[in-house]
Amino acid sequence: MAPVRMYCTAVCPYCIAAERLLMAKGVAGIHKIRVDLDPGRRDEMTARTGRRTVPQIWIGDTWVGGFDDLSALDRQGRLDPLLAGPPD
């Protein structure tokens, strides 16, 4: 399974929803980058994505975007192959 990284905050409902969706898909662990604890990380996130809102999610090397983007990928049937990672 591809590694998942997520810029997030502790109380963001969209971050929680993204985590729940990913866990339901079998993701065992998410590397969380808490921008509420380290404001410099929010600057880093903004520089990488052009967005200031959380969550911002990467699956492997692919930037997915936020929860709405993640959910749309799931509805389109494109999330599971992305989570599976590249073929061996």
N, C-alpha and C. Protein backbone atom coordinates (compact mmCIF):
# COMPACT_ATOMS: atom_id res chain seq x y z
N MET A 1 0.85 -1.18 0.00
CA MET A 1 0.00 0.00 0.00
C MET A 1 0.89 1.24 0.00
N ALA A 2 0.48 2.23 -0.76
CA ALA A 2 1.24 3.48 -0.86
C ALA A 2 1.17 4.24 0.47
N PRO A 3 2.26 4.91 0.84
CA PRO A 3 2.24 5.72 2.06
C PRO A 3 1.33 6.94 1.89
N VAL A 4 0.70 7.34 2.99
CA VAL A 4 -0.21 8.48 2.98
C VAL A 4 0.30 9.53 3.96
N ARG A 5 0.42 10.77 3.47
CA ARG A 5 0.80 11.91 4.30
C ARG A 5 -0.34 12.91 4.26
N MET A 6 -0.62 13.55 5.40
CA MET A 6 -1.72 14.50 5.44
C MET A 6 -1.37 15.67 6.35
N TYR A 7 -1.39 16.87 5.77
CA TYR A 7 -1.32 18.09 6.58
C TYR A 7 -2.69 18.25 7.21
N CYS A 8 -2.73 18.48 8.53
CA CYS A 8 -4.01 18.53 9.22
C CYS A 8 -3.92 19.35 10.50
N THR A 9 -5.07 19.50 11.17
CA THR A 9 -5.14 20.04 12.52
C THR A 9 -5.92 19.05 13.37
N ALA A 10 -5.90 19.25 14.67
CA ALA A 10 -6.53 18.30 15.58
C ALA A 10 -8.05 18.31 15.49
N VAL A 11 -8.64 19.46 15.21
CA VAL A 11 -10.10 19.56 15.32
C VAL A 11 -10.82 19.77 13.99
N CYS A 12 -10.12 19.66 12.89
CA CYS A 12 -10.71 19.89 11.58
C CYS A 12 -11.64 18.73 11.20
N PRO A 13 -12.93 19.00 10.99
CA PRO A 13 -13.85 17.90 10.65
C PRO A 13 -13.53 17.25 9.31
N TYR A 14 -12.98 18.01 8.37
CA TYR A 14 -12.62 17.42 7.07
C TYR A 14 -11.40 16.51 7.20
N CYS A 15 -10.49 16.86 8.10
CA CYS A 15 -9.33 16.01 8.37
C CYS A 15 -9.80 14.68 8.97
N ILE A 16 -10.71 14.76 9.90
CA ILE A 16 -11.26 13.55 10.53
C ILE A 16 -11.99 12.70 9.51
N ALA A 17 -12.78 13.34 8.64
CA ALA A 17 -13.51 12.60 7.61
C ALA A 17 -12.53 11.93 6.63
N ALA A 18 -11.46 12.63 6.26
CA ALA A 18 -10.47 12.05 5.36
C ALA A 18 -9.80 10.85 6.01
N GLU A 19 -9.45 10.98 7.27
CA GLU A 19 -8.83 9.87 7.98
C GLU A 19 -9.78 8.67 8.05
N ARG A 20 -11.04 8.90 8.31
CA ARG A 20 -12.01 7.81 8.37
C ARG A 20 -12.15 7.11 7.02
N LEU A 21 -12.21 7.88 5.95
CA LEU A 21 -12.33 7.29 4.62
C LEU A 21 -11.09 6.45 4.30
N LEU A 22 -9.92 6.98 4.59
CA LEU A 22 -8.69 6.26 4.31
C LEU A 22 -8.59 4.98 5.14
N MET A 23 -8.96 5.05 6.40
CA MET A 23 -8.94 3.86 7.26
C MET A 23 -9.93 2.81 6.76
N ALA A 24 -11.10 3.26 6.29
CA ALA A 24 -12.09 2.34 5.74
C ALA A 24 -11.57 1.65 4.49
N LYS A 25 -10.63 2.29 3.81
CA LYS A 25 -10.01 1.73 2.61
C LYS A 25 -8.83 0.82 2.95
N GLY A 26 -8.55 0.67 4.24
CA GLY A 26 -7.49 -0.24 4.65
C GLY A 26 -6.14 0.40 4.92
N VAL A 27 -6.08 1.72 4.93
CA VAL A 27 -4.82 2.40 5.23
C VAL A 27 -4.51 2.18 6.71
N ALA A 28 -3.37 1.58 6.98
CA ALA A 28 -3.01 1.24 8.35
C ALA A 28 -2.51 2.43 9.16
N GLY A 29 -1.88 3.37 8.48
CA GLY A 29 -1.35 4.53 9.18
C GLY A 29 -1.20 5.72 8.26
N ILE A 30 -1.42 6.87 8.80
CA ILE A 30 -1.30 8.12 8.06
C ILE A 30 -0.24 8.95 8.75
N HIS A 31 0.72 9.42 7.98
CA HIS A 31 1.73 10.33 8.54
C HIS A 31 1.08 11.71 8.60
N LYS A 32 0.74 12.14 9.81
CA LYS A 32 0.05 13.43 9.99
C LYS A 32 1.07 14.53 10.27
N ILE A 33 0.90 15.62 9.55
CA ILE A 33 1.74 16.81 9.74
C ILE A 33 0.82 17.88 10.31
N ARG A 34 0.96 18.15 11.60
CA ARG A 34 0.03 19.03 12.32
C ARG A 34 0.43 20.50 12.16
N VAL A 35 -0.30 21.21 11.32
CA VAL A 35 0.00 22.62 11.07
C VAL A 35 -0.47 23.51 12.22
N ASP A 36 -1.34 22.99 13.09
CA ASP A 36 -1.76 23.77 14.25
C ASP A 36 -0.68 23.80 15.33
N LEU A 37 0.20 22.83 15.33
CA LEU A 37 1.28 22.79 16.32
C LEU A 37 2.55 23.47 15.83
N ASP A 38 2.69 23.58 14.51
CA ASP A 38 3.90 24.16 13.92
C ASP A 38 3.51 25.04 12.73
N PRO A 39 3.31 26.35 12.97
CA PRO A 39 2.88 27.25 11.89
C PRO A 39 3.80 27.23 10.67
N GLY A 40 5.06 26.92 10.85
CA GLY A 40 5.98 26.83 9.73
C GLY A 40 5.58 25.73 8.76
N ARG A 41 4.96 24.69 9.28
CA ARG A 41 4.49 23.60 8.43
C ARG A 41 3.33 24.04 7.54
N ARG A 42 2.50 24.97 8.04
CA ARG A 42 1.42 25.51 7.20
C ARG A 42 2.03 26.29 6.03
N ASP A 43 3.07 27.07 6.31
CA ASP A 43 3.76 27.79 5.24
C ASP A 43 4.33 26.80 4.21
N GLU A 44 4.90 25.71 4.70
CA GLU A 44 5.44 24.67 3.82
C GLU A 44 4.31 24.07 2.97
N MET A 45 3.18 23.77 3.59
CA MET A 45 2.03 23.22 2.88
C MET A 45 1.54 24.18 1.80
N THR A 46 1.43 25.44 2.15
CA THR A 46 0.96 26.45 1.20
C THR A 46 1.92 26.58 0.03
N ALA A 47 3.21 26.54 0.30
CA ALA A 47 4.20 26.63 -0.77
C ALA A 47 4.11 25.43 -1.71
N ARG A 48 3.82 24.26 -1.15
CA ARG A 48 3.75 23.04 -1.96
C ARG A 48 2.46 22.93 -2.76
N THR A 49 1.36 23.47 -2.21
CA THR A 49 0.05 23.23 -2.83
C THR A 49 -0.64 24.48 -3.37
N GLY A 50 -0.26 25.64 -2.85
CA GLY A 50 -0.97 26.87 -3.19
C GLY A 50 -2.26 27.02 -2.40
N ARG A 51 -2.52 26.11 -1.49
CA ARG A 51 -3.73 26.14 -0.66
C ARG A 51 -3.37 26.33 0.80
N ARG A 52 -4.27 26.99 1.55
CA ARG A 52 -4.05 27.21 2.98
C ARG A 52 -4.97 26.36 3.85
N THR A 53 -5.89 25.64 3.23
CA THR A 53 -6.85 24.85 4.01
C THR A 53 -6.36 23.42 4.22
N VAL A 54 -6.81 22.83 5.31
CA VAL A 54 -6.50 21.44 5.60
C VAL A 54 -7.78 20.62 5.46
N PRO A 55 -7.65 19.34 5.18
CA PRO A 55 -6.41 18.61 4.98
C PRO A 55 -5.85 18.82 3.59
N GLN A 56 -4.57 18.55 3.44
CA GLN A 56 -3.90 18.41 2.15
C GLN A 56 -3.23 17.05 2.19
N ILE A 57 -3.56 16.20 1.22
CA ILE A 57 -3.24 14.78 1.29
C ILE A 57 -2.36 14.37 0.12
N TRP A 58 -1.35 13.56 0.42
CA TRP A 58 -0.52 12.91 -0.58
C TRP A 58 -0.66 11.41 -0.41
N ILE A 59 -0.80 10.71 -1.52
CA ILE A 59 -0.74 9.25 -1.53
C ILE A 59 0.45 8.90 -2.38
N GLY A 60 1.45 8.31 -1.74
CA GLY A 60 2.73 8.13 -2.42
C GLY A 60 3.27 9.50 -2.80
N ASP A 61 3.64 9.68 -4.05
CA ASP A 61 4.15 10.98 -4.52
C ASP A 61 3.06 11.83 -5.16
N THR A 62 1.82 11.36 -5.13
CA THR A 62 0.72 12.05 -5.79
C THR A 62 -0.03 12.94 -4.80
N TRP A 63 -0.08 14.23 -5.13
CA TRP A 63 -0.89 15.15 -4.32
C TRP A 63 -2.34 14.96 -4.72
N VAL A 64 -3.16 14.61 -3.74
CA VAL A 64 -4.59 14.37 -3.97
C VAL A 64 -5.38 15.66 -3.81
N GLY A 65 -5.01 16.49 -2.83
CA GLY A 65 -5.75 17.70 -2.51
C GLY A 65 -6.41 17.53 -1.15
N GLY A 66 -7.61 18.08 -1.00
CA GLY A 66 -8.32 18.02 0.27
C GLY A 66 -9.33 16.89 0.33
N PHE A 67 -10.20 16.94 1.34
CA PHE A 67 -11.18 15.87 1.53
C PHE A 67 -12.13 15.76 0.34
N ASP A 68 -12.60 16.89 -0.18
CA ASP A 68 -13.51 16.82 -1.33
C ASP A 68 -12.84 16.13 -2.52
N ASP A 69 -11.57 16.40 -2.74
CA ASP A 69 -10.82 15.77 -3.83
C ASP A 69 -10.66 14.27 -3.57
N LEU A 70 -10.36 13.92 -2.33
CA LEU A 70 -10.21 12.51 -1.95
C LEU A 70 -11.52 11.76 -2.16
N SER A 71 -12.59 12.36 -1.71
CA SER A 71 -13.91 11.75 -1.84
C SER A 71 -14.30 11.58 -3.32
N ALA A 72 -13.98 12.59 -4.13
CA ALA A 72 -14.28 12.51 -5.57
C ALA A 72 -13.49 11.37 -6.22
N LEU A 73 -12.23 11.20 -5.84
CA LEU A 73 -11.44 10.09 -6.37
C LEU A 73 -12.09 8.76 -6.03
N ASP A 74 -12.60 8.65 -4.80
CA ASP A 74 -13.25 7.42 -4.37
C ASP A 74 -14.50 7.16 -5.21
N ARG A 75 -15.32 8.18 -5.41
CA ARG A 75 -16.55 8.02 -6.21
C ARG A 75 -16.24 7.64 -7.66
N GLN A 76 -15.11 8.11 -8.17
CA GLN A 76 -14.71 7.82 -9.55
C GLN A 76 -14.02 6.46 -9.69
N GLY A 77 -13.81 5.77 -8.57
CA GLY A 77 -13.12 4.48 -8.60
C GLY A 77 -11.62 4.59 -8.78
N ARG A 78 -11.07 5.77 -8.53
CA ARG A 78 -9.63 6.00 -8.74
C ARG A 78 -8.82 5.98 -7.46
N LEU A 79 -9.49 5.93 -6.29
CA LEU A 79 -8.76 5.96 -5.02
C LEU A 79 -8.09 4.63 -4.72
N ASP A 80 -8.80 3.52 -4.88
CA ASP A 80 -8.23 2.22 -4.56
C ASP A 80 -6.94 1.93 -5.35
N PRO A 81 -6.92 2.17 -6.68
CA PRO A 81 -5.66 1.92 -7.40
C PRO A 81 -4.52 2.83 -6.94
N LEU A 82 -4.85 4.06 -6.57
CA LEU A 82 -3.82 4.98 -6.08
C LEU A 82 -3.26 4.48 -4.75
N LEU A 83 -4.14 4.00 -3.88
CA LEU A 83 -3.70 3.48 -2.58
C LEU A 83 -2.88 2.21 -2.75
N ALA A 84 -3.21 1.41 -3.77
CA ALA A 84 -2.48 0.15 -3.99
C ALA A 84 -1.03 0.41 -4.37
N GLY A 85 -0.76 1.58 -4.93
CA GLY A 85 0.60 1.92 -5.32
C GLY A 85 0.92 1.40 -6.70
N PRO A 86 2.12 1.69 -7.17
CA PRO A 86 2.51 1.24 -8.51
C PRO A 86 2.65 -0.28 -8.54
N PRO A 87 2.36 -0.86 -9.70
CA PRO A 87 2.52 -2.32 -9.81
C PRO A 87 3.99 -2.70 -9.69
N ASP A 88 4.22 -3.86 -9.13
CA ASP A 88 5.62 -4.34 -8.95
C ASP A 88 6.23 -4.78 -10.25
